[in-house]
Amino acid sequence: MNNTIDIAKKQMLRRQVLILCNELKEVGAGVPLICMVLNKQNIVCTEKEIADACYYLQGKKLIDFKHYRNDVADIERDISFITSDGIDVLEGTTAIDGIALR
């Protein structure tokens, strides 16, 4: 894939992650859930691409992670929650390079 298409896909994925985290703001979203939802919306992506997008968004302070561990089920996962800055980006009151506008 050429570089311009790769960049556009990353920007679109980041926006979709923000949208999903906003929709699930009370419970948050883990990488597997985000990937599953986006794939059901015909946005083809891998868990690695979603994880990369989440870490990028965290670096921009648009999402936060909370680490959860369930010893009984042997599950450990970072759950993403949108921040107020992330909501500002979605509402269009703040523009951040690297996130698709629409």
N, C-alpha and C. Protein backbone atom coordinates (compact mmCIF):
# COMPACT_ATOMS: atom_id res chain seq x y z
N MET A 1 0.85 -1.16 0.00
CA MET A 1 0.00 0.00 0.00
C MET A 1 0.90 1.23 0.00
N ASN A 2 0.45 2.28 -0.66
CA ASN A 2 1.32 3.44 -0.68
C ASN A 2 1.17 4.25 0.61
N ASN A 3 2.16 5.08 0.87
CA ASN A 3 2.26 5.80 2.13
C ASN A 3 1.05 6.69 2.40
N THR A 4 0.53 7.37 1.40
CA THR A 4 -0.61 8.26 1.57
C THR A 4 -1.84 7.49 2.02
N ILE A 5 -2.06 6.34 1.46
CA ILE A 5 -3.20 5.50 1.85
C ILE A 5 -3.00 4.97 3.27
N ASP A 6 -1.79 4.55 3.60
CA ASP A 6 -1.49 4.08 4.96
C ASP A 6 -1.78 5.16 6.00
N ILE A 7 -1.35 6.38 5.73
CA ILE A 7 -1.56 7.49 6.65
C ILE A 7 -3.05 7.77 6.79
N ALA A 8 -3.77 7.81 5.68
CA ALA A 8 -5.21 8.07 5.73
C ALA A 8 -5.94 6.98 6.53
N LYS A 9 -5.55 5.72 6.34
CA LYS A 9 -6.17 4.62 7.09
C LYS A 9 -5.92 4.77 8.59
N LYS A 10 -4.70 5.11 8.97
CA LYS A 10 -4.38 5.30 10.38
C LYS A 10 -5.20 6.44 10.98
N GLN A 11 -5.32 7.54 10.24
CA GLN A 11 -6.09 8.67 10.73
C GLN A 11 -7.56 8.31 10.89
N MET A 12 -8.10 7.55 9.96
CA MET A 12 -9.49 7.13 10.02
C MET A 12 -9.71 6.16 11.18
N LEU A 13 -8.78 5.22 11.37
CA LEU A 13 -8.90 4.27 12.48
C LEU A 13 -8.87 5.01 13.82
N ARG A 14 -8.00 5.99 13.95
CA ARG A 14 -7.92 6.75 15.20
C ARG A 14 -9.24 7.44 15.50
N ARG A 15 -9.85 8.02 14.47
CA ARG A 15 -11.15 8.68 14.67
C ARG A 15 -12.21 7.65 15.06
N GLN A 16 -12.20 6.51 14.41
CA GLN A 16 -13.20 5.48 14.74
C GLN A 16 -13.02 4.97 16.17
N VAL A 17 -11.78 4.86 16.62
CA VAL A 17 -11.52 4.45 18.01
C VAL A 17 -12.09 5.50 18.96
N LEU A 18 -11.86 6.77 18.65
CA LEU A 18 -12.42 7.84 19.49
C LEU A 18 -13.94 7.77 19.54
N ILE A 19 -14.55 7.57 18.37
CA ILE A 19 -16.02 7.50 18.31
C ILE A 19 -16.53 6.35 19.17
N LEU A 20 -15.90 5.20 19.05
CA LEU A 20 -16.34 4.04 19.83
C LEU A 20 -16.12 4.26 21.32
N CYS A 21 -14.98 4.82 21.70
CA CYS A 21 -14.73 5.10 23.11
C CYS A 21 -15.72 6.12 23.65
N ASN A 22 -16.15 7.04 22.82
CA ASN A 22 -17.16 8.02 23.23
C ASN A 22 -18.51 7.34 23.44
N GLU A 23 -18.86 6.43 22.54
CA GLU A 23 -20.13 5.71 22.67
C GLU A 23 -20.14 4.81 23.91
N LEU A 24 -18.98 4.32 24.30
CA LEU A 24 -18.87 3.41 25.44
C LEU A 24 -18.18 4.07 26.63
N LYS A 25 -18.37 5.38 26.75
CA LYS A 25 -17.58 6.12 27.75
C LYS A 25 -17.75 5.64 29.17
N GLU A 26 -18.90 5.07 29.52
CA GLU A 26 -19.10 4.59 30.89
C GLU A 26 -18.36 3.28 31.16
N VAL A 27 -18.23 2.43 30.16
CA VAL A 27 -17.62 1.11 30.37
C VAL A 27 -16.26 0.95 29.70
N GLY A 28 -15.95 1.82 28.74
CA GLY A 28 -14.68 1.72 28.04
C GLY A 28 -14.67 0.59 27.02
N ALA A 29 -13.55 0.47 26.33
CA ALA A 29 -13.44 -0.54 25.27
C ALA A 29 -12.01 -1.06 25.20
N GLY A 30 -11.88 -2.37 25.10
CA GLY A 30 -10.58 -3.00 24.91
C GLY A 30 -10.31 -3.18 23.43
N VAL A 31 -9.07 -3.45 23.11
CA VAL A 31 -8.65 -3.63 21.72
C VAL A 31 -9.47 -4.70 20.99
N PRO A 32 -9.69 -5.89 21.59
CA PRO A 32 -10.47 -6.90 20.86
C PRO A 32 -11.89 -6.44 20.53
N LEU A 33 -12.54 -5.74 21.46
CA LEU A 33 -13.89 -5.25 21.21
C LEU A 33 -13.89 -4.20 20.11
N ILE A 34 -12.96 -3.25 20.18
CA ILE A 34 -12.88 -2.21 19.15
C ILE A 34 -12.68 -2.84 17.77
N CYS A 35 -11.77 -3.79 17.69
CA CYS A 35 -11.48 -4.45 16.41
C CYS A 35 -12.71 -5.18 15.89
N MET A 36 -13.40 -5.90 16.77
CA MET A 36 -14.59 -6.65 16.36
C MET A 36 -15.68 -5.71 15.83
N VAL A 37 -15.93 -4.62 16.56
CA VAL A 37 -16.97 -3.68 16.14
C VAL A 37 -16.62 -3.05 14.80
N LEU A 38 -15.38 -2.61 14.64
CA LEU A 38 -14.99 -1.98 13.38
C LEU A 38 -15.05 -2.96 12.22
N ASN A 39 -14.63 -4.19 12.43
CA ASN A 39 -14.72 -5.18 11.36
C ASN A 39 -16.17 -5.45 10.99
N LYS A 40 -17.10 -5.43 11.96
CA LYS A 40 -18.52 -5.60 11.66
C LYS A 40 -19.07 -4.41 10.88
N GLN A 41 -18.41 -3.26 11.00
CA GLN A 41 -18.79 -2.07 10.24
C GLN A 41 -18.06 -2.01 8.90
N ASN A 42 -17.46 -3.12 8.51
CA ASN A 42 -16.69 -3.24 7.26
C ASN A 42 -15.47 -2.32 7.22
N ILE A 43 -14.93 -2.02 8.40
CA ILE A 43 -13.65 -1.31 8.49
C ILE A 43 -12.63 -2.38 8.86
N VAL A 44 -11.93 -2.88 7.87
CA VAL A 44 -11.03 -4.00 8.06
C VAL A 44 -9.77 -3.53 8.79
N CYS A 45 -9.50 -4.16 9.94
CA CYS A 45 -8.33 -3.79 10.73
C CYS A 45 -7.90 -4.98 11.57
N THR A 46 -6.67 -4.89 12.04
CA THR A 46 -6.14 -5.93 12.92
C THR A 46 -6.09 -5.38 14.35
N GLU A 47 -5.94 -6.29 15.31
CA GLU A 47 -5.81 -5.86 16.69
C GLU A 47 -4.54 -5.03 16.88
N LYS A 48 -3.49 -5.34 16.14
CA LYS A 48 -2.25 -4.56 16.24
C LYS A 48 -2.49 -3.13 15.76
N GLU A 49 -3.21 -2.97 14.66
CA GLU A 49 -3.51 -1.62 14.17
C GLU A 49 -4.33 -0.83 15.19
N ILE A 50 -5.28 -1.50 15.83
CA ILE A 50 -6.10 -0.83 16.85
C ILE A 50 -5.24 -0.49 18.06
N ALA A 51 -4.40 -1.42 18.50
CA ALA A 51 -3.51 -1.14 19.64
C ALA A 51 -2.60 0.05 19.33
N ASP A 52 -2.05 0.09 18.12
CA ASP A 52 -1.21 1.22 17.72
C ASP A 52 -1.99 2.52 17.77
N ALA A 53 -3.23 2.50 17.26
CA ALA A 53 -4.09 3.69 17.28
C ALA A 53 -4.37 4.12 18.72
N CYS A 54 -4.64 3.17 19.60
CA CYS A 54 -4.92 3.49 21.00
C CYS A 54 -3.71 4.13 21.68
N TYR A 55 -2.53 3.58 21.45
CA TYR A 55 -1.34 4.15 22.07
C TYR A 55 -1.04 5.54 21.52
N TYR A 56 -1.31 5.75 20.24
CA TYR A 56 -1.16 7.08 19.65
C TYR A 56 -2.11 8.07 20.32
N LEU A 57 -3.38 7.66 20.44
CA LEU A 57 -4.39 8.53 21.05
C LEU A 57 -4.07 8.81 22.51
N GLN A 58 -3.53 7.82 23.20
CA GLN A 58 -3.14 8.03 24.59
C GLN A 58 -2.01 9.06 24.66
N GLY A 59 -1.07 8.97 23.74
CA GLY A 59 0.03 9.93 23.69
C GLY A 59 -0.44 11.35 23.45
N LYS A 60 -1.55 11.50 22.73
CA LYS A 60 -2.14 12.81 22.47
C LYS A 60 -3.11 13.22 23.58
N LYS A 61 -3.26 12.36 24.60
CA LYS A 61 -4.15 12.59 25.74
C LYS A 61 -5.62 12.65 25.34
N LEU A 62 -5.96 11.89 24.30
CA LEU A 62 -7.35 11.84 23.84
C LEU A 62 -8.09 10.65 24.43
N ILE A 63 -7.34 9.64 24.86
CA ILE A 63 -7.91 8.53 25.62
C ILE A 63 -6.96 8.21 26.77
N ASP A 64 -7.53 7.58 27.78
CA ASP A 64 -6.76 7.06 28.90
C ASP A 64 -6.97 5.56 28.96
N PHE A 65 -6.01 4.86 29.53
CA PHE A 65 -6.13 3.42 29.76
C PHE A 65 -6.35 3.16 31.24
N LYS A 66 -7.18 2.19 31.52
CA LYS A 66 -7.28 1.63 32.86
C LYS A 66 -6.97 0.15 32.71
N HIS A 67 -6.10 -0.33 33.57
CA HIS A 67 -5.68 -1.73 33.50
C HIS A 67 -6.58 -2.57 34.40
N TYR A 68 -7.15 -3.62 33.83
CA TYR A 68 -8.02 -4.52 34.59
C TYR A 68 -7.44 -5.92 34.56
N ARG A 69 -7.59 -6.59 35.69
CA ARG A 69 -7.11 -7.96 35.80
C ARG A 69 -8.18 -8.77 36.52
N ASN A 70 -8.49 -9.94 35.96
CA ASN A 70 -9.41 -10.87 36.59
C ASN A 70 -8.67 -12.19 36.74
N ASP A 71 -8.24 -12.48 37.97
CA ASP A 71 -7.45 -13.68 38.22
C ASP A 71 -8.27 -14.95 38.03
N VAL A 72 -9.56 -14.90 38.35
CA VAL A 72 -10.41 -16.09 38.21
C VAL A 72 -10.51 -16.50 36.75
N ALA A 73 -10.75 -15.53 35.88
CA ALA A 73 -10.87 -15.82 34.44
C ALA A 73 -9.53 -15.75 33.72
N ASP A 74 -8.47 -15.40 34.46
CA ASP A 74 -7.14 -15.25 33.88
C ASP A 74 -7.14 -14.30 32.69
N ILE A 75 -7.76 -13.13 32.91
CA ILE A 75 -7.85 -12.09 31.88
C ILE A 75 -7.17 -10.84 32.40
N GLU A 76 -6.36 -10.25 31.54
CA GLU A 76 -5.70 -8.99 31.86
C GLU A 76 -5.79 -8.12 30.62
N ARG A 77 -6.26 -6.90 30.80
CA ARG A 77 -6.52 -6.08 29.62
C ARG A 77 -6.47 -4.59 29.98
N ASP A 78 -6.01 -3.78 29.03
CA ASP A 78 -6.13 -2.33 29.14
C ASP A 78 -7.42 -1.91 28.46
N ILE A 79 -8.21 -1.11 29.16
CA ILE A 79 -9.48 -0.63 28.62
C ILE A 79 -9.32 0.86 28.34
N SER A 80 -9.77 1.28 27.18
CA SER A 80 -9.62 2.67 26.75
C SER A 80 -10.87 3.47 27.09
N PHE A 81 -10.66 4.66 27.62
CA PHE A 81 -11.73 5.60 27.94
C PHE A 81 -11.41 6.94 27.30
N ILE A 82 -12.39 7.56 26.69
CA ILE A 82 -12.18 8.86 26.05
C ILE A 82 -11.99 9.93 27.14
N THR A 83 -11.16 10.91 26.84
CA THR A 83 -10.95 12.04 27.75
C THR A 83 -11.76 13.24 27.26
N SER A 84 -11.78 14.28 28.05
CA SER A 84 -12.49 15.50 27.61
C SER A 84 -11.83 16.08 26.36
N ASP A 85 -10.51 15.95 26.25
CA ASP A 85 -9.83 16.42 25.03
C ASP A 85 -10.26 15.60 23.82
N GLY A 86 -10.47 14.30 24.01
CA GLY A 86 -10.94 13.45 22.92
C GLY A 86 -12.34 13.84 22.48
N ILE A 87 -13.18 14.17 23.43
CA ILE A 87 -14.54 14.62 23.10
C ILE A 87 -14.48 15.93 22.32
N ASP A 88 -13.58 16.83 22.72
CA ASP A 88 -13.42 18.09 21.98
C ASP A 88 -13.04 17.85 20.53
N VAL A 89 -12.17 16.87 20.29
CA VAL A 89 -11.78 16.55 18.91
C VAL A 89 -12.99 16.06 18.13
N LEU A 90 -13.78 15.16 18.73
CA LEU A 90 -14.96 14.64 18.03
C LEU A 90 -15.99 15.73 17.76
N GLU A 91 -16.12 16.67 18.69
CA GLU A 91 -17.09 17.75 18.51
C GLU A 91 -16.58 18.84 17.57
N GLY A 92 -15.31 18.76 17.20
CA GLY A 92 -14.75 19.72 16.24
C GLY A 92 -14.29 21.02 16.87
N THR A 93 -14.25 21.10 18.20
CA THR A 93 -13.79 22.32 18.85
C THR A 93 -12.28 22.37 18.96
N THR A 94 -11.63 21.22 18.76
CA THR A 94 -10.17 21.14 18.78
C THR A 94 -9.74 20.25 17.61
N ALA A 95 -8.74 20.71 16.87
CA ALA A 95 -8.19 19.89 15.78
C ALA A 95 -6.83 19.34 16.22
N ILE A 96 -6.62 18.08 15.95
CA ILE A 96 -5.35 17.43 16.27
C ILE A 96 -4.82 16.81 14.99
N ASP A 97 -3.57 17.14 14.64
CA ASP A 97 -2.96 16.49 13.48
C ASP A 97 -2.91 14.99 13.73
N GLY A 98 -3.17 14.21 12.71
CA GLY A 98 -3.09 12.76 12.82
C GLY A 98 -4.43 12.08 13.07
N ILE A 99 -5.51 12.89 13.17
CA ILE A 99 -6.85 12.33 13.36
C ILE A 99 -7.71 12.83 12.20
N ALA A 100 -8.40 11.92 11.53
CA ALA A 100 -9.28 12.31 10.42
C ALA A 100 -10.38 13.22 10.95
N LEU A 101 -10.71 14.25 10.19
CA LEU A 101 -11.74 15.19 10.63
C LEU A 101 -13.14 14.60 10.50
N ARG A 102 -13.39 13.82 9.50
CA ARG A 102 -14.71 13.20 9.29
C ARG A 102 -14.53 11.90 8.57
